[in-house]
Amino acid sequence: MATLLILNYYKVLSLSYIYDNLGGFLTSAIIFSNLSVLLIHYWAVLTKNAERMTGNFIYDLFMGAYLNPRFGIVDIKMVAEVRVSWLLL
């Protein structure tokens, strides 16, 4: 929110533009986060890093199969279990 206010103050991005296109932004965020979750889940299964697998695909997908997925030094656990787009909603 602070970043949006700063961008609005310096006339880089107006708040009315974000308000007018909020549905598209949220839809894109949901699609991106769900695709990234599927990618992380299948990567864990293919590389044998999957933990706590119950055999129920939906449960395993939502609970996360990869305990500490990392992209370099960045821990992407938040993306793997708690969809950022759902938090925005």
C-alpha atoms as a PDB file:
ATOM      1  CA  MET A   1       0.000   0.000   0.000  1.00  0.00           C
ATOM      2  CA  ALA A   2       2.838   2.348   0.825  1.00  0.00           C
ATOM      3  CA  THR A   3       4.436   1.653  -2.555  1.00  0.00           C
ATOM      4  CA  LEU A   4       1.167   2.424  -4.325  1.00  0.00           C
ATOM      5  CA  LEU A   5       0.812   5.685  -2.422  1.00  0.00           C
ATOM      6  CA  ILE A   6       4.375   6.693  -3.306  1.00  0.00           C
ATOM      7  CA  LEU A   7       3.843   5.818  -6.979  1.00  0.00           C
ATOM      8  CA  ASN A   8       0.618   7.811  -6.943  1.00  0.00           C
ATOM      9  CA  TYR A   9       2.285  10.799  -5.244  1.00  0.00           C
ATOM     10  CA  TYR A  10       5.042  10.961  -7.878  1.00  0.00           C
ATOM     11  CA  LYS A  11       2.495  10.443 -10.671  1.00  0.00           C
ATOM     12  CA  VAL A  12       4.062   7.182 -11.861  1.00  0.00           C
ATOM     13  CA  LEU A  13       0.896   5.119 -11.418  1.00  0.00           C
ATOM     14  CA  SER A  14      -2.471   6.520 -10.434  1.00  0.00           C
ATOM     15  CA  LEU A  15      -4.693   4.891  -7.850  1.00  0.00           C
ATOM     16  CA  SER A  16      -7.675   5.268 -10.176  1.00  0.00           C
ATOM     17  CA  TYR A  17      -5.904   3.086 -12.770  1.00  0.00           C
ATOM     18  CA  ILE A  18      -5.365   0.375 -10.159  1.00  0.00           C
ATOM     19  CA  TYR A  19      -8.983   0.682  -8.998  1.00  0.00           C
ATOM     20  CA  ASP A  20     -10.290   0.429 -12.572  1.00  0.00           C
ATOM     21  CA  ASN A  21      -8.167  -2.652 -13.331  1.00  0.00           C
ATOM     22  CA  LEU A  22      -8.278  -4.428  -9.958  1.00  0.00           C
ATOM     23  CA  GLY A  23     -10.244  -7.383 -11.326  1.00  0.00           C
ATOM     24  CA  GLY A  24      -7.650  -8.022 -14.018  1.00  0.00           C
ATOM     25  CA  PHE A  25      -4.799  -7.684 -11.535  1.00  0.00           C
ATOM     26  CA  LEU A  26      -6.401 -10.164  -9.123  1.00  0.00           C
ATOM     27  CA  THR A  27      -7.248 -12.610 -11.913  1.00  0.00           C
ATOM     28  CA  SER A  28      -3.652 -12.506 -13.146  1.00  0.00           C
ATOM     29  CA  ALA A  29      -2.361 -12.980  -9.595  1.00  0.00           C
ATOM     30  CA  ILE A  30      -4.610 -16.018  -9.051  1.00  0.00           C
ATOM     31  CA  ILE A  31      -3.596 -17.636 -12.346  1.00  0.00           C
ATOM     32  CA  PHE A  32       0.110 -16.986 -11.744  1.00  0.00           C
ATOM     33  CA  SER A  33       0.059 -18.261  -8.166  1.00  0.00           C
ATOM     34  CA  ASN A  34      -1.896 -21.419  -9.007  1.00  0.00           C
ATOM     35  CA  LEU A  35       0.440 -22.213 -11.916  1.00  0.00           C
ATOM     36  CA  SER A  36       3.469 -21.662  -9.708  1.00  0.00           C
ATOM     37  CA  VAL A  37       1.986 -23.946  -7.032  1.00  0.00           C
ATOM     38  CA  LEU A  38       1.481 -26.701  -9.609  1.00  0.00           C
ATOM     39  CA  LEU A  39       5.042 -26.218 -10.855  1.00  0.00           C
ATOM     40  CA  ILE A  40       6.465 -26.392  -7.323  1.00  0.00           C
ATOM     41  CA  HIS A  41       4.356 -29.453  -6.475  1.00  0.00           C
ATOM     42  CA  TYR A  42       5.376 -31.391  -9.576  1.00  0.00           C
ATOM     43  CA  TRP A  43       9.005 -30.308  -9.176  1.00  0.00           C
ATOM     44  CA  ALA A  44       8.984 -31.743  -5.629  1.00  0.00           C
ATOM     45  CA  VAL A  45       7.481 -35.024  -6.848  1.00  0.00           C
ATOM     46  CA  LEU A  46       9.871 -35.345  -9.809  1.00  0.00           C
ATOM     47  CA  THR A  47      12.991 -34.556  -7.773  1.00  0.00           C
ATOM     48  CA  LYS A  48      11.914 -36.828  -4.894  1.00  0.00           C
ATOM     49  CA  ASN A  49      11.801 -33.877  -2.446  1.00  0.00           C
ATOM     50  CA  ALA A  50       8.137 -34.431  -1.615  1.00  0.00           C
ATOM     51  CA  GLU A  51       7.448 -34.836   2.099  1.00  0.00           C
ATOM     52  CA  ARG A  52       4.312 -35.795   4.031  1.00  0.00           C
ATOM     53  CA  MET A  53       2.509 -37.161   0.973  1.00  0.00           C
ATOM     54  CA  THR A  54      -0.885 -38.658   1.820  1.00  0.00           C
ATOM     55  CA  GLY A  55      -1.859 -39.849  -1.640  1.00  0.00           C
ATOM     56  CA  ASN A  56      -4.767 -37.401  -1.852  1.00  0.00           C
ATOM     57  CA  PHE A  57      -3.769 -35.012  -4.678  1.00  0.00           C
ATOM     58  CA  ILE A  58      -5.930 -32.072  -3.568  1.00  0.00           C
ATOM     59  CA  TYR A  59      -4.816 -32.298   0.067  1.00  0.00           C
ATOM     60  CA  ASP A  60      -1.158 -32.664  -0.890  1.00  0.00           C
ATOM     61  CA  LEU A  61      -1.417 -29.758  -3.314  1.00  0.00           C
ATOM     62  CA  PHE A  62      -2.910 -27.396  -0.756  1.00  0.00           C
ATOM     63  CA  MET A  63      -0.744 -28.496   2.161  1.00  0.00           C
ATOM     64  CA  GLY A  64       2.434 -28.409   0.107  1.00  0.00           C
ATOM     65  CA  ALA A  65       4.643 -31.324  -0.826  1.00  0.00           C
ATOM     66  CA  TYR A  66       7.938 -29.475  -0.711  1.00  0.00           C
ATOM     67  CA  LEU A  67       8.949 -28.467   2.830  1.00  0.00           C
ATOM     68  CA  ASN A  68      11.328 -25.606   2.004  1.00  0.00           C
ATOM     69  CA  PRO A  69      11.277 -24.827  -1.714  1.00  0.00           C
ATOM     70  CA  ARG A  70      13.981 -22.373  -2.684  1.00  0.00           C
ATOM     71  CA  PHE A  71      14.849 -20.412  -5.777  1.00  0.00           C
ATOM     72  CA  GLY A  72      18.501 -19.650  -5.197  1.00  0.00           C
ATOM     73  CA  ILE A  73      18.600 -18.138  -1.704  1.00  0.00           C
ATOM     74  CA  VAL A  74      14.934 -17.073  -1.749  1.00  0.00           C
ATOM     75  CA  ASP A  75      12.540 -19.300   0.195  1.00  0.00           C
ATOM     76  CA  ILE A  76       9.299 -19.552  -1.782  1.00  0.00           C
ATOM     77  CA  LYS A  77       7.256 -21.356   0.877  1.00  0.00           C
ATOM     78  CA  MET A  78       4.663 -18.564   0.906  1.00  0.00           C
ATOM     79  CA  VAL A  79       3.947 -19.172  -2.778  1.00  0.00           C
ATOM     80  CA  ALA A  80       3.904 -22.935  -2.350  1.00  0.00           C
ATOM     81  CA  GLU A  81       1.315 -23.057   0.432  1.00  0.00           C
ATOM     82  CA  VAL A  82      -0.435 -19.728   0.944  1.00  0.00           C
ATOM     83  CA  ARG A  83      -1.445 -18.350  -2.420  1.00  0.00           C
ATOM     84  CA  VAL A  84      -0.513 -14.663  -2.440  1.00  0.00           C
ATOM     85  CA  SER A  85      -3.486 -13.855  -4.648  1.00  0.00           C
ATOM     86  CA  TRP A  86      -5.903 -15.403  -2.150  1.00  0.00           C
ATOM     87  CA  LEU A  87      -4.425 -13.224   0.590  1.00  0.00           C
ATOM     88  CA  LEU A  88      -5.108 -10.164  -1.572  1.00  0.00           C
ATOM     89  CA  LEU A  89      -8.736 -11.216  -1.974  1.00  0.00           C
END
